[in-house]
Amino acid sequence: MLNDGLTEQKFEQRADETLRALDRALSELDGAEVDLESGILTIEFEDGVKYVINSHRAARQIWMAAERNAWHFDYREEDARWIASRTSDELWTAIDGVVSRKLGRPVGLAK
C-alpha cells in the first residue's frame, strides 16, 4: 500500500483538507446538491443519483463511488496528490470527469 508511511493523524488532516476543498468547489455547481458530514461528501443530482466520496481511515485512502464504479485514492506526499491505486487517476481530475459526464457539460473543478 502506498500510504504505509502516512501516520493516521497526517492522513486525517490531508483527507479532511481535501474533502473540505472539494465541498467548497462542488458547492458552486448548478444541478447538484453537495453535503459534507463526518468525512462523507455526497453529491446528489436532480435525478436523485448520488456520488459518494469519503475518507477511509483503516486503509488511509479516499474512496469514491460514482457511475457504478469505485476508486481508492492513496495520498502521495511528494506531490500532495491523491492517486487511484488501480487506475492512476488523480482525485480532482476523476471527480471533474464523472461530474462533467453526469451534468453533460464541463465543470472545470479548480483545486
N, C-alpha and C. Protein backbone atom coordinates (compact mmCIF):
# COMPACT_ATOMS: atom_id res chain seq x y z
N MET A 1 0.85 -1.18 0.00
CA MET A 1 0.00 0.00 0.00
C MET A 1 0.89 1.24 0.00
N LEU A 2 0.50 2.21 -0.76
CA LEU A 2 1.26 3.43 -0.94
C LEU A 2 1.33 4.27 0.35
N ASN A 3 0.31 4.22 1.18
CA ASN A 3 0.23 5.11 2.34
C ASN A 3 0.79 4.52 3.62
N ASP A 4 1.64 3.50 3.52
CA ASP A 4 2.19 2.88 4.72
C ASP A 4 2.91 3.86 5.63
N GLY A 5 3.61 4.86 5.07
CA GLY A 5 4.36 5.82 5.87
C GLY A 5 3.53 7.00 6.37
N LEU A 6 2.28 7.06 5.97
CA LEU A 6 1.40 8.17 6.34
C LEU A 6 0.78 7.88 7.70
N THR A 7 1.08 8.72 8.69
CA THR A 7 0.52 8.49 10.01
C THR A 7 -1.00 8.71 9.96
N GLU A 8 -1.68 8.15 10.93
CA GLU A 8 -3.14 8.32 10.98
C GLU A 8 -3.50 9.79 11.12
N GLN A 9 -2.76 10.51 11.95
CA GLN A 9 -3.03 11.93 12.17
C GLN A 9 -2.83 12.73 10.88
N LYS A 10 -1.74 12.45 10.16
CA LYS A 10 -1.47 13.16 8.92
C LYS A 10 -2.51 12.79 7.87
N PHE A 11 -2.89 11.51 7.82
CA PHE A 11 -3.94 11.10 6.88
C PHE A 11 -5.23 11.87 7.16
N GLU A 12 -5.63 11.91 8.43
CA GLU A 12 -6.87 12.61 8.80
C GLU A 12 -6.81 14.08 8.37
N GLN A 13 -5.68 14.71 8.60
CA GLN A 13 -5.51 16.12 8.24
C GLN A 13 -5.63 16.29 6.72
N ARG A 14 -4.87 15.48 5.96
CA ARG A 14 -4.89 15.60 4.49
C ARG A 14 -6.28 15.28 3.92
N ALA A 15 -6.90 14.23 4.42
CA ALA A 15 -8.22 13.84 3.91
C ALA A 15 -9.26 14.91 4.23
N ASP A 16 -9.22 15.44 5.45
CA ASP A 16 -10.17 16.48 5.85
C ASP A 16 -9.99 17.73 5.00
N GLU A 17 -8.75 18.16 4.80
CA GLU A 17 -8.48 19.34 3.97
C GLU A 17 -9.01 19.13 2.55
N THR A 18 -8.78 17.94 2.01
CA THR A 18 -9.20 17.64 0.65
C THR A 18 -10.71 17.61 0.53
N LEU A 19 -11.38 16.94 1.46
CA LEU A 19 -12.85 16.86 1.39
C LEU A 19 -13.48 18.24 1.56
N ARG A 20 -12.92 19.07 2.43
CA ARG A 20 -13.45 20.43 2.61
C ARG A 20 -13.26 21.27 1.34
N ALA A 21 -12.10 21.13 0.70
CA ALA A 21 -11.83 21.86 -0.55
C ALA A 21 -12.77 21.39 -1.66
N LEU A 22 -13.00 20.08 -1.73
CA LEU A 22 -13.94 19.55 -2.72
C LEU A 22 -15.36 20.04 -2.46
N ASP A 23 -15.74 20.07 -1.19
CA ASP A 23 -17.07 20.57 -0.82
C ASP A 23 -17.25 22.00 -1.29
N ARG A 24 -16.24 22.85 -1.04
CA ARG A 24 -16.32 24.25 -1.47
C ARG A 24 -16.42 24.35 -3.00
N ALA A 25 -15.59 23.59 -3.71
CA ALA A 25 -15.57 23.66 -5.17
C ALA A 25 -16.86 23.12 -5.78
N LEU A 26 -17.35 22.02 -5.27
CA LEU A 26 -18.55 21.39 -5.84
C LEU A 26 -19.82 22.14 -5.47
N SER A 27 -19.80 22.85 -4.35
CA SER A 27 -20.98 23.60 -3.92
C SER A 27 -21.32 24.73 -4.88
N GLU A 28 -20.37 25.12 -5.71
CA GLU A 28 -20.57 26.19 -6.69
C GLU A 28 -21.35 25.72 -7.92
N LEU A 29 -21.50 24.42 -8.09
CA LEU A 29 -22.11 23.87 -9.30
C LEU A 29 -23.63 23.96 -9.30
N ASP A 30 -24.19 24.29 -10.45
CA ASP A 30 -25.63 24.19 -10.65
C ASP A 30 -25.96 22.76 -11.06
N GLY A 31 -27.07 22.24 -10.55
CA GLY A 31 -27.51 20.91 -10.94
C GLY A 31 -27.13 19.81 -9.97
N ALA A 32 -26.50 20.19 -8.84
CA ALA A 32 -26.11 19.19 -7.85
C ALA A 32 -26.15 19.81 -6.46
N GLU A 33 -26.57 19.02 -5.49
CA GLU A 33 -26.53 19.40 -4.08
C GLU A 33 -25.36 18.66 -3.45
N VAL A 34 -24.57 19.36 -2.66
CA VAL A 34 -23.38 18.77 -2.06
C VAL A 34 -23.48 18.87 -0.54
N ASP A 35 -23.12 17.77 0.13
CA ASP A 35 -23.19 17.74 1.59
C ASP A 35 -21.95 17.03 2.12
N LEU A 36 -21.25 17.64 3.05
CA LEU A 36 -20.10 17.03 3.72
C LEU A 36 -20.45 16.85 5.18
N GLU A 37 -20.43 15.61 5.63
CA GLU A 37 -20.74 15.32 7.02
C GLU A 37 -19.96 14.09 7.47
N SER A 38 -19.23 14.22 8.57
CA SER A 38 -18.47 13.11 9.17
C SER A 38 -17.54 12.42 8.18
N GLY A 39 -16.85 13.20 7.35
CA GLY A 39 -15.90 12.62 6.41
C GLY A 39 -16.53 11.99 5.19
N ILE A 40 -17.81 12.24 4.97
CA ILE A 40 -18.51 11.69 3.80
C ILE A 40 -19.07 12.85 2.99
N LEU A 41 -18.60 12.96 1.75
CA LEU A 41 -19.05 14.00 0.83
C LEU A 41 -20.03 13.35 -0.16
N THR A 42 -21.25 13.84 -0.14
CA THR A 42 -22.29 13.30 -1.02
C THR A 42 -22.66 14.35 -2.06
N ILE A 43 -22.67 13.93 -3.31
CA ILE A 43 -23.10 14.80 -4.41
C ILE A 43 -24.39 14.19 -4.93
N GLU A 44 -25.50 14.92 -4.78
CA GLU A 44 -26.79 14.41 -5.26
C GLU A 44 -27.26 15.27 -6.42
N PHE A 45 -27.61 14.59 -7.50
CA PHE A 45 -28.04 15.27 -8.72
C PHE A 45 -29.56 15.37 -8.75
N GLU A 46 -30.07 16.21 -9.65
CA GLU A 46 -31.50 16.48 -9.71
C GLU A 46 -32.34 15.22 -9.97
N ASP A 47 -31.74 14.21 -10.61
CA ASP A 47 -32.48 12.96 -10.88
C ASP A 47 -32.40 11.97 -9.73
N GLY A 48 -31.78 12.39 -8.60
CA GLY A 48 -31.71 11.53 -7.42
C GLY A 48 -30.46 10.67 -7.35
N VAL A 49 -29.66 10.62 -8.40
CA VAL A 49 -28.41 9.86 -8.39
C VAL A 49 -27.43 10.51 -7.42
N LYS A 50 -26.71 9.67 -6.66
CA LYS A 50 -25.75 10.17 -5.69
C LYS A 50 -24.36 9.59 -5.99
N TYR A 51 -23.35 10.45 -5.87
CA TYR A 51 -21.96 10.03 -5.89
C TYR A 51 -21.44 10.27 -4.48
N VAL A 52 -20.60 9.37 -3.99
CA VAL A 52 -20.10 9.47 -2.62
C VAL A 52 -18.57 9.44 -2.62
N ILE A 53 -17.99 10.37 -1.89
CA ILE A 53 -16.54 10.45 -1.71
C ILE A 53 -16.31 10.48 -0.20
N ASN A 54 -15.48 9.56 0.30
CA ASN A 54 -15.27 9.53 1.74
C ASN A 54 -13.86 9.14 2.11
N SER A 55 -13.46 9.57 3.30
CA SER A 55 -12.17 9.14 3.82
C SER A 55 -12.36 7.77 4.47
N HIS A 56 -11.42 6.90 4.21
CA HIS A 56 -11.46 5.55 4.79
C HIS A 56 -10.22 5.38 5.65
N ARG A 57 -10.40 5.61 6.95
CA ARG A 57 -9.30 5.66 7.90
C ARG A 57 -8.48 4.36 7.93
N ALA A 58 -9.13 3.21 7.95
CA ALA A 58 -8.40 1.95 8.06
C ALA A 58 -7.43 1.74 6.89
N ALA A 59 -7.85 2.10 5.70
CA ALA A 59 -7.00 1.94 4.51
C ALA A 59 -6.14 3.17 4.25
N ARG A 60 -6.43 4.26 4.98
CA ARG A 60 -5.78 5.55 4.76
C ARG A 60 -5.89 5.96 3.29
N GLN A 61 -7.12 5.90 2.81
CA GLN A 61 -7.42 6.26 1.43
C GLN A 61 -8.67 7.12 1.38
N ILE A 62 -8.86 7.81 0.27
CA ILE A 62 -10.13 8.44 -0.04
C ILE A 62 -10.80 7.54 -1.07
N TRP A 63 -12.03 7.19 -0.81
CA TRP A 63 -12.78 6.32 -1.71
C TRP A 63 -13.85 7.13 -2.42
N MET A 64 -14.11 6.78 -3.67
CA MET A 64 -15.19 7.42 -4.42
C MET A 64 -16.01 6.34 -5.10
N ALA A 65 -17.33 6.49 -5.01
CA ALA A 65 -18.27 5.62 -5.73
C ALA A 65 -19.10 6.51 -6.64
N ALA A 66 -19.02 6.24 -7.95
CA ALA A 66 -19.75 7.03 -8.94
C ALA A 66 -19.83 6.21 -10.23
N GLU A 67 -20.90 6.40 -10.96
CA GLU A 67 -21.08 5.74 -12.26
C GLU A 67 -20.90 4.22 -12.17
N ARG A 68 -21.38 3.63 -11.09
CA ARG A 68 -21.27 2.19 -10.87
C ARG A 68 -19.82 1.70 -10.81
N ASN A 69 -18.92 2.59 -10.43
CA ASN A 69 -17.50 2.28 -10.28
C ASN A 69 -17.03 2.74 -8.91
N ALA A 70 -15.87 2.23 -8.52
CA ALA A 70 -15.27 2.65 -7.25
C ALA A 70 -13.79 2.93 -7.48
N TRP A 71 -13.31 3.96 -6.81
CA TRP A 71 -11.90 4.34 -6.85
C TRP A 71 -11.39 4.38 -5.43
N HIS A 72 -10.14 3.99 -5.24
CA HIS A 72 -9.46 4.08 -3.95
C HIS A 72 -8.20 4.91 -4.17
N PHE A 73 -8.17 6.10 -3.59
CA PHE A 73 -7.07 7.05 -3.81
C PHE A 73 -6.10 7.04 -2.64
N ASP A 74 -4.81 6.88 -2.96
CA ASP A 74 -3.73 6.96 -1.98
C ASP A 74 -3.11 8.35 -2.03
N TYR A 75 -2.70 8.85 -0.88
CA TYR A 75 -2.06 10.16 -0.84
C TYR A 75 -0.59 10.04 -1.17
N ARG A 76 -0.12 10.86 -2.11
CA ARG A 76 1.30 10.91 -2.48
C ARG A 76 1.88 12.19 -1.90
N GLU A 77 2.65 12.03 -0.86
CA GLU A 77 3.23 13.17 -0.13
C GLU A 77 4.14 14.01 -1.03
N GLU A 78 4.90 13.35 -1.91
CA GLU A 78 5.89 14.07 -2.73
C GLU A 78 5.27 15.13 -3.63
N ASP A 79 4.04 14.93 -4.08
CA ASP A 79 3.41 15.96 -4.92
C ASP A 79 2.03 16.37 -4.40
N ALA A 80 1.73 15.97 -3.16
CA ALA A 80 0.49 16.36 -2.47
C ALA A 80 -0.75 16.09 -3.31
N ARG A 81 -0.82 14.87 -3.87
CA ARG A 81 -1.99 14.49 -4.68
C ARG A 81 -2.50 13.12 -4.24
N TRP A 82 -3.79 12.92 -4.47
CA TRP A 82 -4.43 11.64 -4.22
C TRP A 82 -4.53 10.90 -5.57
N ILE A 83 -3.95 9.69 -5.64
CA ILE A 83 -3.89 8.94 -6.88
C ILE A 83 -4.57 7.57 -6.67
N ALA A 84 -5.44 7.20 -7.63
CA ALA A 84 -6.15 5.92 -7.54
C ALA A 84 -5.16 4.77 -7.74
N SER A 85 -5.20 3.82 -6.84
CA SER A 85 -4.25 2.72 -6.87
C SER A 85 -4.40 1.85 -8.12
N ARG A 86 -5.61 1.65 -8.59
CA ARG A 86 -5.84 0.77 -9.75
C ARG A 86 -5.68 1.47 -11.09
N THR A 87 -6.16 2.69 -11.18
CA THR A 87 -6.24 3.37 -12.48
C THR A 87 -5.22 4.49 -12.67
N SER A 88 -4.56 4.89 -11.61
CA SER A 88 -3.63 6.03 -11.61
C SER A 88 -4.32 7.37 -11.85
N ASP A 89 -5.67 7.41 -11.74
CA ASP A 89 -6.41 8.66 -11.86
C ASP A 89 -6.08 9.55 -10.66
N GLU A 90 -6.03 10.85 -10.90
CA GLU A 90 -5.86 11.82 -9.83
C GLU A 90 -7.26 12.19 -9.33
N LEU A 91 -7.43 12.36 -8.03
CA LEU A 91 -8.74 12.56 -7.41
C LEU A 91 -9.54 13.69 -8.05
N TRP A 92 -8.98 14.91 -8.12
CA TRP A 92 -9.73 16.05 -8.64
C TRP A 92 -10.11 15.84 -10.10
N THR A 93 -9.20 15.28 -10.87
CA THR A 93 -9.45 15.02 -12.29
C THR A 93 -10.56 13.98 -12.45
N ALA A 94 -10.51 12.94 -11.63
CA ALA A 94 -11.54 11.89 -11.70
C ALA A 94 -12.92 12.44 -11.34
N ILE A 95 -12.98 13.26 -10.30
CA ILE A 95 -14.26 13.85 -9.90
C ILE A 95 -14.77 14.79 -10.98
N ASP A 96 -13.87 15.61 -11.53
CA ASP A 96 -14.25 16.51 -12.62
C ASP A 96 -14.85 15.69 -13.77
N GLY A 97 -14.23 14.58 -14.11
CA GLY A 97 -14.71 13.76 -15.21
C GLY A 97 -16.09 13.17 -14.97
N VAL A 98 -16.30 12.56 -13.81
CA VAL A 98 -17.60 11.91 -13.56
C VAL A 98 -18.72 12.94 -13.41
N VAL A 99 -18.43 14.05 -12.76
CA VAL A 99 -19.46 15.08 -12.57
C VAL A 99 -19.77 15.76 -13.91
N SER A 100 -18.75 16.03 -14.71
CA SER A 100 -18.97 16.63 -16.04
C SER A 100 -19.83 15.72 -16.90
N ARG A 101 -19.53 14.42 -16.89
CA ARG A 101 -20.34 13.46 -17.68
C ARG A 101 -21.77 13.44 -17.18
N LYS A 102 -21.95 13.44 -15.88
CA LYS A 102 -23.30 13.38 -15.31
C LYS A 102 -24.10 14.63 -15.65
N LEU A 103 -23.48 15.80 -15.58
CA LEU A 103 -24.17 17.05 -15.86
C LEU A 103 -24.25 17.37 -17.35
N GLY A 104 -23.45 16.65 -18.15
CA GLY A 104 -23.49 16.86 -19.59
C GLY A 104 -22.79 18.14 -20.04
N ARG A 105 -21.89 18.62 -19.18
CA ARG A 105 -21.12 19.82 -19.52
C ARG A 105 -19.83 19.82 -18.71
N PRO A 106 -18.78 20.48 -19.22
CA PRO A 106 -17.54 20.55 -18.44
C PRO A 106 -17.76 21.41 -17.19
N VAL A 107 -17.26 20.94 -16.06
CA VAL A 107 -17.41 21.70 -14.83
C VAL A 107 -16.12 22.41 -14.43
N GLY A 108 -14.97 21.93 -14.89
CA GLY A 108 -13.70 22.60 -14.61
C GLY A 108 -13.43 22.79 -13.15
N LEU A 109 -13.41 21.71 -12.38
CA LEU A 109 -13.12 21.82 -10.95
C LEU A 109 -11.74 22.43 -10.74
N ALA A 110 -11.68 23.44 -9.95
CA ALA A 110 -10.42 24.07 -9.61
C ALA A 110 -10.03 23.67 -8.21
N LYS A 111 -8.81 23.23 -8.04
CA LYS A 111 -8.32 22.80 -6.72
C LYS A 111 -8.10 23.99 -5.83
